[in-house]
Protein backbone atom coordinates (compact mmCIF):
# COMPACT_ATOMS: atom_id res chain seq x y z
CA MET A 1 -14.91 1.52 5.51
CA ASP A 2 -13.51 4.93 6.28
CA GLU A 3 -10.94 7.11 4.55
CA VAL A 4 -8.42 8.45 7.05
CA LEU A 5 -5.59 10.97 6.89
CA PHE A 6 -2.29 10.81 8.74
CA TYR A 7 -0.59 14.19 9.00
CA VAL A 8 2.54 15.28 10.83
CA SER A 9 4.50 18.53 11.12
CA ALA A 10 8.15 19.47 10.99
CA GLY A 11 8.16 20.45 14.66
CA ASP A 12 9.92 23.32 16.36
CA GLN A 13 13.08 24.26 14.44
CA SER A 14 14.39 26.71 17.01
CA ASP A 15 17.46 26.05 19.15
CA THR A 16 15.60 26.25 22.45
CA LYS A 17 16.30 23.55 25.02
CA LYS A 18 12.58 22.90 25.50
CA PRO A 19 11.00 23.05 22.06
CA ALA A 20 7.26 23.27 21.69
CA GLU A 21 5.55 19.90 21.68
CA SER A 22 4.41 18.58 18.31
CA PHE A 23 1.77 16.02 17.48
CA ALA A 24 0.64 13.81 14.62
CA TYR A 25 -2.92 12.67 14.07
CA ILE A 26 -4.95 10.04 12.23
CA SER A 27 -8.40 11.48 11.47
CA SER A 28 -11.29 10.74 9.18
CA ILE A 29 -11.66 12.83 6.04
CA HIS A 30 -15.44 12.50 5.82
CA SER A 31 -16.36 12.96 9.49
CA SER A 32 -15.13 14.64 12.66
CA LYS A 33 -13.76 11.38 14.08
CA GLN A 34 -10.15 11.41 15.31
CA TYR A 35 -8.73 7.92 15.74
CA GLU A 36 -5.12 8.28 16.92
CA THR A 37 -2.73 10.84 18.37
CA PHE A 38 1.07 10.58 18.44
CA ARG A 39 3.07 12.76 20.81
CA HIS A 40 6.47 14.32 20.03
CA ALA A 41 5.99 13.37 16.36
CA ALA A 42 7.99 15.55 13.99
CA SER A 43 10.15 15.02 10.92
CA PRO A 44 11.69 16.96 8.05
CA LEU A 45 9.74 17.36 4.82
CA ASN A 46 9.17 13.88 3.35
CA GLY A 47 10.91 12.40 6.39
CA THR A 48 8.06 10.15 7.53
CA ALA A 49 7.24 6.63 6.35
CA ILE A 50 4.09 4.78 7.44
CA SER A 51 3.53 1.08 6.85
CA GLY A 52 -0.24 1.31 7.11
CA VAL A 53 -3.16 1.94 9.44
CA GLY A 54 -4.33 -0.69 11.91
CA LEU A 55 -3.15 -3.24 14.44
CA GLY A 56 0.54 -4.11 14.01
CA GLU A 57 1.40 -1.18 11.72
CA ARG A 58 4.27 1.23 12.43
CA ILE A 59 5.26 4.81 11.69
CA PHE A 60 8.89 5.78 11.10
CA THR A 61 10.00 9.39 11.52
CA SER A 62 13.49 10.81 11.17
CA ASP A 63 14.59 13.16 13.92
CA ASN A 64 15.11 16.78 12.94
CA LYS A 65 18.32 17.33 14.89
CA LYS A 66 19.74 13.92 15.80
CA ALA A 67 20.80 10.80 13.96
CA LEU A 68 17.76 8.87 15.14
CA VAL A 69 14.73 7.14 13.65
CA ASN A 70 11.68 7.23 15.91
CA VAL A 71 9.27 4.31 15.62
CA TYR A 72 5.60 4.57 16.61
CA THR A 73 3.24 1.62 16.93
CA TYR A 74 -0.41 2.04 15.98
CA GLY A 75 -2.45 2.33 19.15
CA LYS A 76 0.40 3.70 21.26
CA GLU A 77 0.65 7.44 21.76
CA SER A 78 4.29 7.83 22.70
CA ILE A 79 7.46 6.83 20.88
CA ASP A 80 7.91 3.06 20.92
CA GLN A 81 11.59 2.91 19.86
CA ARG A 82 14.47 5.26 19.18
CA ILE A 83 16.91 3.65 16.77
CA PRO A 84 20.33 5.28 16.19
CA ILE A 85 21.59 5.54 12.61
CA PRO A 86 24.88 6.68 11.01
CA GLU A 87 23.68 10.22 10.27
CA ALA A 88 20.53 12.32 10.35
CA LEU A 89 18.12 11.55 7.52
CA THR A 90 16.08 14.05 5.53
CA ALA A 91 13.84 11.58 3.64
CA LEU A 92 12.33 8.18 4.42
CA HIS A 93 10.47 5.62 2.35
CA ILE A 94 9.11 2.11 2.96
CA ILE A 95 9.08 -0.69 0.39
CA HIS A 96 6.72 -3.58 1.10
CA HIS A 97 7.30 -7.23 0.32
CA PRO A 98 6.80 -7.89 -3.40
CA THR A 99 4.74 -11.05 -2.76
CA LEU A 100 2.16 -9.24 -0.61
CA PRO A 101 0.60 -6.11 -2.18
CA HIS A 102 0.62 -2.98 -0.03
CA GLY A 103 -3.15 -2.65 -0.29
CA ALA A 104 -3.82 -6.09 1.17
CA GLU A 105 -1.22 -5.67 3.90
CA ALA A 106 -2.04 -2.18 5.07
CA LYS A 107 -5.78 -2.02 4.55
CA GLY A 108 -6.46 -5.30 6.28
CA GLU A 109 -8.34 -6.76 3.33
CA GLU A 110 -9.18 -10.44 3.19
CA ILE A 111 -6.63 -12.59 1.45
CA GLU A 112 -7.98 -13.44 -1.98
CA ASN A 113 -4.94 -15.30 -3.22
CA SER A 114 -5.65 -19.02 -3.13
CA LEU A 115 -1.98 -19.69 -2.32
CA ALA A 116 -2.09 -17.60 0.88
CA THR A 117 -3.28 -20.01 3.57
CA HIS A 118 -2.34 -18.12 6.75
CA ASP A 119 -3.23 -14.81 8.36
CA LYS A 120 -0.80 -11.97 8.86
CA PRO A 121 1.40 -12.49 11.93
CA ASN A 122 1.04 -10.20 14.94
CA TYR A 123 4.66 -9.11 14.58
CA ARG A 124 5.30 -7.96 11.04
CA VAL A 125 7.37 -5.23 9.48
CA PRO A 126 7.75 -4.02 5.91
CA TRP A 127 10.54 -5.30 3.74
CA LEU A 128 12.92 -2.33 3.30
CA LEU A 129 13.43 1.10 4.83
CA CYS A 130 15.12 3.62 2.54
CA GLY A 131 16.62 6.83 3.90
CA GLY A 132 18.33 9.81 2.35
CA SER A 133 20.72 12.13 4.19
CA LYS A 134 21.75 15.75 3.84
CA SER A 135 25.13 14.61 2.51
CA GLY A 136 23.43 12.87 -0.43
CA LYS A 137 23.87 9.27 0.75
CA LEU A 138 21.20 6.64 0.22
CA TYR A 139 20.73 4.01 2.94
CA ILE A 140 18.65 0.84 2.60
CA TRP A 141 17.93 -1.43 5.59
CA GLU A 142 16.13 -4.75 5.79
CA LEU A 143 13.73 -4.14 8.66
CA ALA A 144 13.21 -7.78 9.70
CA SER A 145 16.91 -8.25 10.44
CA GLY A 146 18.22 -4.67 10.70
CA ASP A 147 20.91 -5.39 8.08
CA LEU A 148 22.27 -2.44 6.13
CA LEU A 149 22.05 -3.59 2.52
CA CYS A 150 23.21 -0.48 0.69
CA VAL A 151 25.07 2.79 1.25
CA LYS A 152 25.22 4.79 -1.95
CA GLU A 153 26.58 8.24 -2.81
CA ALA A 154 23.44 9.02 -4.77
CA HIS A 155 23.53 12.84 -4.95
CA TYR A 156 26.01 15.67 -4.59
CA GLN A 157 23.74 17.47 -2.12
CA GLY A 158 20.94 16.49 0.24
CA ILE A 159 18.21 14.04 -0.79
CA THR A 160 14.77 15.64 -0.65
CA ARG A 161 12.47 12.80 -1.71
CA ILE A 162 12.49 8.99 -2.09
CA ASP A 163 9.82 6.88 -3.75
CA SER A 164 9.49 3.55 -5.53
CA SER A 165 7.30 2.01 -8.20
CA SER A 166 4.30 0.04 -6.99
CA CYS A 167 5.85 -3.22 -8.24
CA GLY A 168 9.13 -2.55 -6.39
CA THR A 169 11.27 -2.64 -9.53
CA PHE A 170 12.58 0.94 -9.43
CA LEU A 171 13.68 3.26 -6.65
CA VAL A 172 13.67 7.00 -7.40
CA THR A 173 15.57 9.67 -5.48
CA GLY A 174 15.51 13.45 -5.89
CA GLY A 175 17.97 15.90 -4.42
CA GLU A 176 18.95 19.49 -3.91
CA ASP A 177 21.49 19.08 -6.70
CA ALA A 178 18.55 19.33 -9.19
CA ARG A 179 19.00 15.69 -10.22
CA ILE A 180 16.64 12.74 -10.17
CA MET A 181 18.12 9.26 -10.13
CA VAL A 182 16.17 6.13 -11.04
CA TRP A 183 17.72 2.97 -9.60
CA ASN A 184 17.08 -0.67 -10.20
CA LEU A 185 16.23 -1.86 -6.70
CA ALA A 186 17.57 -5.37 -7.29
CA ASP A 187 21.00 -3.93 -8.11
CA LEU A 188 21.07 -1.87 -4.92
CA ILE A 189 20.25 -4.67 -2.48
CA ALA A 190 21.95 -7.60 -4.26
CA ILE A 191 24.69 -8.13 -1.68
CA TYR A 192 25.05 -11.89 -2.12
CA GLY A 193 27.37 -13.04 -4.83
CA GLN A 194 29.18 -9.69 -4.82
CA ALA A 195 32.24 -10.84 -2.92
CA GLY A 196 34.48 -10.09 -5.87
CA LEU A 197 33.72 -6.41 -5.46
CA ILE A 198 34.92 -6.32 -1.85
CA ASN A 199 38.48 -5.98 -0.73
CA GLU A 200 39.65 -9.43 0.34
CA THR A 201 41.57 -8.03 3.31
CA ASP A 202 38.68 -5.97 4.62
CA SER A 203 35.27 -7.61 4.88
CA SER A 204 33.66 -4.33 5.94
CA SER A 205 34.97 -2.38 2.99
CA THR A 206 32.66 0.34 1.70
CA VAL A 207 33.37 -0.46 -1.93
CA ASN A 208 30.36 0.31 -4.11
CA ARG A 209 28.51 -2.96 -4.41
CA SER A 210 25.79 -1.55 -6.65
CA GLY A 211 25.88 -0.63 -10.28
CA LYS A 212 25.13 2.63 -12.00
CA PRO A 213 21.68 4.22 -11.91
CA TYR A 214 19.14 2.99 -14.42
CA TYR A 215 18.22 6.53 -15.51
CA SER A 216 19.76 9.87 -14.56
CA ILE A 217 17.66 13.03 -15.08
CA THR A 218 19.52 16.34 -15.14
CA ASP A 219 17.03 18.62 -16.94
CA ASN A 220 16.20 20.78 -13.91
CA THR A 221 18.22 23.79 -12.85
CA LEU A 222 17.05 24.14 -9.21
CA PRO A 223 16.44 21.63 -6.40
CA ILE A 224 13.85 18.90 -6.79
CA THR A 225 10.94 19.45 -4.39
CA ASP A 226 8.63 16.52 -5.14
CA PHE A 227 7.81 13.75 -7.61
CA THR A 228 5.35 10.90 -7.97
CA LEU A 229 4.94 7.71 -9.99
CA ASN A 230 1.75 6.28 -11.42
CA GLN A 231 0.56 2.83 -10.41
CA VAL A 232 0.43 0.49 -13.39
CA GLY A 233 0.31 -3.23 -14.00
CA ASN A 234 2.70 -3.00 -16.93
CA LEU A 235 6.13 -1.38 -16.60
CA ALA A 236 5.85 -0.07 -20.15
CA ASP A 237 3.27 2.45 -18.90
CA LEU A 238 5.31 3.68 -15.92
CA LYS A 239 5.54 7.49 -15.82
CA LEU A 240 7.48 9.82 -13.52
CA TYR A 241 6.07 13.27 -12.65
CA THR A 242 8.58 15.71 -11.15
CA ALA A 243 8.39 19.18 -9.58
CA SER A 244 11.21 21.65 -9.01
CA LYS A 245 11.91 25.11 -7.67
CA ASP A 246 12.64 26.20 -11.24
CA SER A 247 8.82 26.45 -11.71
CA THR A 248 8.54 23.38 -13.91
CA VAL A 249 6.61 20.12 -13.77
CA ARG A 250 8.02 17.43 -16.06
CA ILE A 251 6.76 14.04 -17.19
CA TYR A 252 9.13 11.20 -18.09
CA ASP A 253 8.67 7.74 -19.51
CA ILE A 254 10.79 5.39 -17.38
CA THR A 255 10.93 2.53 -19.87
CA THR A 256 12.06 4.56 -22.88
CA LYS A 257 14.04 7.10 -20.75
CA GLN A 258 12.48 10.03 -22.56
CA GLN A 259 11.00 13.33 -21.44
CA LEU A 260 7.40 13.64 -22.60
CA THR A 261 6.12 17.04 -21.46
CA THR A 262 7.29 20.15 -19.60
CA PHE A 263 4.79 22.42 -17.84
CA ILE A 264 5.95 25.93 -16.91
CA LEU A 265 4.15 27.45 -13.93
CA PRO A 266 4.13 31.05 -12.67
CA GLN A 267 5.71 30.25 -9.27
CA PRO A 268 8.22 27.72 -7.88
CA VAL A 269 6.53 24.35 -7.41
CA THR A 270 6.81 23.08 -3.83
CA CYS A 271 4.75 19.86 -3.99
CA LEU A 272 2.92 17.67 -6.47
CA ALA A 273 -0.02 15.25 -6.42
CA ARG A 274 -1.50 13.00 -9.08
CA ASP A 275 -5.07 12.02 -9.78
CA PRO A 276 -5.59 8.26 -9.16
CA ALA A 277 -6.88 7.85 -12.73
CA ASN A 278 -4.01 9.93 -14.22
CA ARG A 279 -6.43 12.56 -15.46
CA GLN A 280 -4.64 15.61 -14.04
CA LEU A 281 -1.89 16.85 -11.74
CA TYR A 282 -2.07 19.24 -8.81
CA ALA A 283 0.90 21.54 -8.23
CA GLY A 284 1.35 23.48 -4.99
CA LEU A 285 3.11 26.81 -5.45
CA ALA A 286 5.26 28.93 -3.18
CA ASN A 287 2.64 31.72 -3.09
CA GLY A 288 -0.04 29.42 -1.66
CA LEU A 289 -1.97 28.67 -4.84
CA ILE A 290 -2.64 25.15 -6.09
CA LYS A 291 -2.80 24.80 -9.86
CA THR A 292 -4.62 22.02 -11.71
CA ILE A 293 -2.70 20.67 -14.71
CA PRO A 294 -4.99 18.65 -17.00
CA LEU A 295 -3.39 15.72 -18.79
CA TYR A 296 -6.33 15.31 -21.17
CA LYS A 297 -8.49 17.88 -22.94
CA PHE A 298 -11.67 17.59 -24.99
CA ASN A 299 -11.25 18.65 -28.61
CA GLN A 300 -14.41 20.48 -29.66
CA HIS A 301 -13.62 20.09 -33.35
CA THR A 302 -13.09 16.33 -33.37
CA SER A 303 -15.13 15.46 -30.23
CA VAL A 304 -12.21 13.35 -29.03
CA LEU A 305 -10.50 13.37 -25.63
CA GLU A 306 -6.87 14.06 -26.51
CA ALA A 307 -3.74 13.77 -24.38
CA VAL A 308 -1.97 17.00 -23.47
CA GLY A 309 1.70 17.28 -24.31
CA GLY A 310 3.98 14.49 -25.44
CA LEU A 311 6.94 14.51 -27.79
CA ASP A 312 8.91 16.75 -25.39
CA ARG A 313 6.48 19.65 -25.71
CA ILE A 314 6.67 22.75 -23.50
CA ILE A 315 3.32 24.02 -22.17
CA THR A 316 2.86 27.22 -20.17
CA VAL A 317 0.20 27.18 -17.45
CA ASP A 318 -1.71 30.48 -17.39
CA GLN A 319 -1.28 32.51 -14.25
CA GLU A 320 -4.54 34.38 -14.67
CA ASP A 321 -7.64 32.39 -13.69
CA PRO A 322 -10.37 34.91 -12.81
CA ASN A 323 -13.13 32.29 -12.64
CA MET A 324 -11.04 29.93 -10.46
CA LEU A 325 -11.65 27.01 -12.78
CA SER A 326 -8.23 25.47 -12.18
CA THR A 327 -6.92 27.20 -9.04
CA PHE A 328 -7.30 26.50 -5.31
CA VAL A 329 -6.81 29.53 -3.05
CA GLN A 330 -7.26 28.01 0.43
CA HIS A 331 -3.57 28.52 1.35
CA GLU A 332 -3.10 31.98 -0.10
CA ASN A 333 -0.01 33.77 1.34
CA HIS A 334 1.27 30.47 2.81
CA LYS A 335 3.59 28.08 1.04
CA VAL A 336 1.92 24.75 0.20
CA THR A 337 4.14 21.93 1.50
CA LYS A 338 2.23 18.68 0.83
CA LEU A 339 -0.61 17.47 -1.39
CA CYS A 340 -2.49 14.21 -1.75
CA VAL A 341 -5.73 13.05 -3.40
CA SER A 342 -8.49 10.87 -2.01
CA MET A 343 -9.12 7.36 -3.32
CA ASP A 344 -11.98 8.37 -5.66
CA GLY A 345 -10.22 11.50 -6.91
CA THR A 346 -12.94 13.89 -5.69
CA ASN A 347 -11.12 15.50 -2.74
CA LEU A 348 -7.75 17.24 -2.53
CA ILE A 349 -5.95 17.30 0.84
CA SER A 350 -3.35 20.03 1.24
CA GLY A 351 -1.03 21.30 3.99
CA ASP A 352 1.03 24.49 4.26
CA ASP A 353 3.92 25.96 6.23
CA ALA A 354 1.53 27.40 8.84
CA GLY A 355 0.42 23.93 9.93
CA GLN A 356 -3.00 24.13 8.30
CA VAL A 357 -4.57 21.10 6.58
CA PHE A 358 -7.64 21.46 4.36
CA VAL A 359 -9.83 19.06 2.41
CA SER A 360 -11.13 20.67 -0.78
CA ASP A 361 -13.71 19.50 -3.26
CA ILE A 362 -11.99 19.25 -6.63
CA ALA A 363 -15.12 19.99 -8.68
CA THR A 364 -16.18 23.16 -6.85
CA LYS A 365 -12.75 24.21 -5.47
CA GLN A 366 -14.40 24.82 -2.10
CA THR A 367 -13.05 23.81 1.33
CA ILE A 368 -15.22 21.10 2.88
CA LYS A 369 -13.16 20.39 6.01
CA SER A 370 -10.24 21.75 7.99
CA PHE A 371 -8.18 19.82 10.53
CA PRO A 372 -6.75 21.20 13.79
CA SER A 373 -3.66 23.27 13.07
CA LEU A 374 -0.27 21.88 14.11
CA ASN A 375 1.38 25.34 14.37
CA PHE A 376 4.41 24.03 12.45
CA PRO A 377 4.92 23.36 8.72
CA ILE A 378 3.21 20.21 7.52
CA SER A 379 5.90 17.70 6.54
CA ASP A 380 3.89 14.67 5.40
CA LEU A 381 0.38 13.53 4.47
CA TYR A 382 -0.82 9.97 4.04
CA VAL A 383 -4.33 8.91 2.96
CA GLU A 384 -5.70 5.39 3.14
CA THR A 385 -9.06 3.64 3.10
CA VAL A 386 -9.39 1.00 5.81
CA PRO A 387 -12.20 -0.93 7.54
CA VAL A 388 -13.59 0.76 10.63
CA ASP A 389 -12.96 -2.42 12.64
CA LEU A 390 -9.21 -1.93 12.25
CA LEU A 391 -9.45 1.64 13.51
CA VAL A 392 -11.44 0.96 16.69
CA ASN A 393 -10.43 -2.62 17.44
CA ASP A 394 -10.05 -3.31 21.16
CA LYS A 395 -7.04 -5.54 20.50
CA ILE A 396 -5.05 -2.42 19.62
CA ARG A 397 -5.31 -1.17 23.19
CA THR A 398 -4.33 -4.51 24.68
CA ASP A 399 -1.30 -5.06 22.43
CA LYS A 400 1.19 -3.53 24.87
CA LYS A 401 3.71 -6.35 24.91
CA HIS A 402 4.93 -6.79 21.38
CA ARG A 403 8.27 -7.55 19.85
CA MET A 404 10.58 -4.65 19.25
CA MET A 405 12.24 -4.05 15.93
CA PRO A 406 15.90 -5.04 15.63
CA PRO A 407 18.36 -2.12 15.65
CA LEU A 408 19.40 -0.71 12.30
CA LYS A 409 23.03 -1.60 11.75
CA ARG A 410 25.67 0.95 10.81
CA VAL A 411 27.95 -1.29 8.72
CA LEU A 412 27.16 -3.07 5.50
CA ALA A 413 25.82 -6.58 5.78
CA SER A 414 28.12 -9.47 5.00
CA ALA A 415 28.03 -10.95 1.51
CA ASP A 416 27.97 -14.44 2.99
CA PRO A 417 24.37 -15.76 3.17
CA VAL A 418 25.29 -17.81 6.26
CA ASP A 419 25.60 -14.57 8.25
CA HIS A 420 22.07 -13.53 7.37
CA VAL A 421 19.92 -14.25 10.47
CA LEU A 422 16.20 -13.52 10.27
CA PHE A 423 13.51 -13.99 12.94
CA MET A 424 9.85 -14.27 12.00
CA ASP A 425 6.54 -15.41 13.47
CA ILE A 426 4.60 -18.30 11.94
CA PRO A 427 0.98 -17.07 11.80
CA GLN A 428 -2.08 -19.19 12.37
CA GLU A 429 -4.13 -20.64 9.55
CA SER A 430 -6.53 -18.13 8.04
CA VAL A 431 -10.27 -18.36 8.58
CA ASN A 432 -10.85 -18.50 4.82
CA THR A 433 -8.60 -21.53 4.54
CA ILE A 434 -10.34 -23.27 7.47
CA ILE A 435 -13.77 -22.67 5.94
CA SER A 436 -12.61 -23.76 2.50
CA THR A 437 -11.07 -26.94 3.92
CA LYS A 438 -14.24 -27.68 5.87
CA VAL A 439 -16.41 -27.18 2.79
CA HIS A 440 -14.22 -29.53 0.75
CA LYS A 441 -14.38 -32.15 3.50
CA ASP A 442 -18.18 -31.85 3.68
CA LEU A 443 -18.51 -32.23 -0.07
CA ASP A 444 -16.25 -35.28 -0.05
CA TRP A 445 -18.27 -36.80 2.78
CA LEU A 446 -21.53 -36.17 0.92
CA GLU A 447 -20.15 -37.80 -2.21
CA LYS A 448 -18.98 -40.82 -0.20
CA LYS A 449 -22.35 -41.24 1.49
CA LYS A 450 -24.09 -40.89 -1.83
CA MET A 451 -22.09 -43.76 -3.28
CA GLU A 452 -22.73 -45.87 -0.16
CA GLU A 453 -26.44 -45.16 -0.39
CA LEU A 454 -26.55 -46.18 -4.02
CA SER A 455 -24.67 -49.39 -3.32
CA PHE A 456 -26.94 -50.18 -0.36
CA LYS A 457 -30.16 -49.57 -2.25
CA ASN A 458 -31.13 -52.29 -4.75
CA LEU A 459 -32.09 -50.41 -7.88
CA SER A 460 -31.89 -53.40 -10.27
CA ASP A 461 -34.55 -55.83 -11.39
CA VAL A 462 -33.23 -58.46 -8.98
CA ASN A 463 -35.17 -58.65 -5.70
CA SER A 464 -34.91 -61.02 -2.80
CA THR A 465 -38.70 -61.41 -2.54
CA VAL A 466 -40.47 -64.29 -4.29
CA LYS A 467 -42.49 -63.23 -7.30
CA THR A 468 -45.08 -65.14 -9.23
CA ILE A 469 -44.46 -64.81 -12.92
CA ASP A 470 -47.41 -65.32 -15.20
CA THR A 471 -46.16 -66.61 -18.53
CA GLY A 472 -49.58 -67.45 -19.88
CA ALA A 473 -50.71 -64.28 -21.54
CA ASN A 474 -49.29 -60.98 -22.75
CA GLY A 475 -51.53 -59.07 -20.36
CA GLY A 476 -49.90 -60.75 -17.38
CA HIS A 477 -46.41 -59.95 -18.72
CA ASN A 478 -47.24 -56.26 -19.17
CA GLN A 479 -48.76 -56.11 -15.72
CA GLN A 480 -45.58 -57.60 -14.18
CA SER A 481 -43.38 -55.11 -16.08
CA THR A 482 -45.48 -52.23 -14.83
CA ALA A 483 -45.20 -53.49 -11.27
CA ASN A 484 -41.41 -53.76 -11.57
CA LEU A 485 -41.15 -50.19 -12.87
CA GLU A 486 -43.35 -48.87 -10.06
CA LEU A 487 -41.22 -50.70 -7.51
CA LYS A 488 -38.02 -49.27 -9.00
CA LEU A 489 -39.49 -45.74 -9.06
CA SER A 490 -40.59 -45.95 -5.45
CA LYS A 491 -37.10 -47.05 -4.35
CA VAL A 492 -35.41 -44.24 -6.31
CA SER A 493 -37.82 -41.70 -4.82
CA GLU A 494 -37.18 -43.01 -1.32
CA ALA A 495 -33.40 -42.82 -1.79
CA TYR A 496 -33.61 -39.27 -3.18
CA THR A 497 -35.81 -38.11 -0.29
CA ASP A 498 -33.43 -39.59 2.26
CA LEU A 499 -30.37 -38.03 0.60
CA ARG A 500 -32.06 -34.64 0.36
CA SER A 501 -32.95 -34.62 4.05
CA LYS A 502 -29.32 -35.42 4.96
CA HIS A 503 -28.09 -32.66 2.65
CA GLU A 504 -30.40 -30.09 4.28
CA GLN A 505 -29.19 -31.16 7.72
CA LEU A 506 -25.56 -30.72 6.63
CA ILE A 507 -26.32 -27.26 5.26
CA LYS A 508 -27.74 -26.22 8.65
CA GLU A 509 -24.67 -27.57 10.46
CA HIS A 510 -22.40 -25.69 8.04
CA ALA A 511 -24.31 -22.43 8.69
CA LYS A 512 -23.87 -22.90 12.46
CA LEU A 513 -20.12 -23.43 11.95
CA LEU A 514 -19.80 -20.21 9.96
CA ASP A 515 -21.65 -18.27 12.69
CA LYS A 516 -19.30 -19.63 15.36
CA LEU A 517 -16.23 -18.70 13.32
CA ALA A 518 -17.60 -15.19 12.73
CA GLU A 519 -18.25 -14.72 16.46
CA GLY A 520 -14.77 -15.99 17.33
CA LYS A 521 -13.14 -13.61 14.85
């Protein structure tokens, strides 16, 4: 396993006819290994969406100046597809299929669900692609068919960030109008059965098919710069952490629609990251400092770890930190643009407007690694832990002829399910299923042979040989009984020895089968 970082810049924003070339990289956090390079990769801040790392995964970037979405395929350096869209997008986000968790799909983990009997197909795409434009519109496409499922006037000004809950229930958008909107995703993409909302004389009418937002947040006074959601198994524990240029970081409870805590920082907050265990937040400031916001503190009087904030409290984060106990200074004098945290919560990855990317140790606040500078502002960071086999697999280099994605349509999809056409590959049966089926067949065969062996062997007192029975004395009767018991014991021992030898032989054959399957994989 290796933990890798994907980072991309905003590219050259000048009006020159030949802008400077920009790159994106996939590199290891813990070593100097660089796995992939993508040429001409650039996007606005939060304008990149990546489905995962490994064979078959794709990267979507919105063009800075044109109404295009550029698609990169893992293992291919240049742009794989250029897909036209209605207008230029400023934010992108991918939502994966709800039946297949993102971790199992993107990390290439083995399928542990007993109901999943087939491998992932070679051609696969995520479920939905969400995009936000400078005009405040929200677009949602189904990637497998290219259908446009939703066009929504979500904000009065441009959308700066899009994210969704890990379960796919809620979609959250933040904009330059200082508002955050929480949407029920099912309401946005439920196009079937909504014919009553469409003008009967115009099947392509742009009437709002979706309902109102689930939760509208209007507490901020300046544009929203970033937000994040915690990953929970129960929606009752879902929290939203927001950052704004008004120098505040706020925490909301999505279920109860209440504001829990407001943190006031000394500088405008440009980006936000959350600890994987929800222990603390990391806020990047406009002056280049990164502040640590603890969500729990140890009470010396009661010796209890208590939660910070709650009940709509307002907490001011101290600007002065002479001992650097809660401040990172790696990007001093450069605006921090993106933050993310490693899987174990020990490393903080940060990028700034000068194109620098650093990995810092959270405990010591020291820089432990720096990546090659991109010379343009960092627009997106993505961290994932994947097997090394997926990163250096030779099949990635040979996968040159693969199916292209369907074009993203510019008109809303029809509300008639008959018009919904979807192409998909049927994958082959998974190795785990083949092995499991083989084991079950072997066990059934062993049980069958065991019953046949028992029926073949004569383990009763009846024997086809002629015996002389002495009925004269008790001693003769006891001697005959002893002989019968010895005969029965010898036959049982012989049957057990024979069955055990067959079982050992089957175990060896099964081990050879597993070795062949492992070599073939």
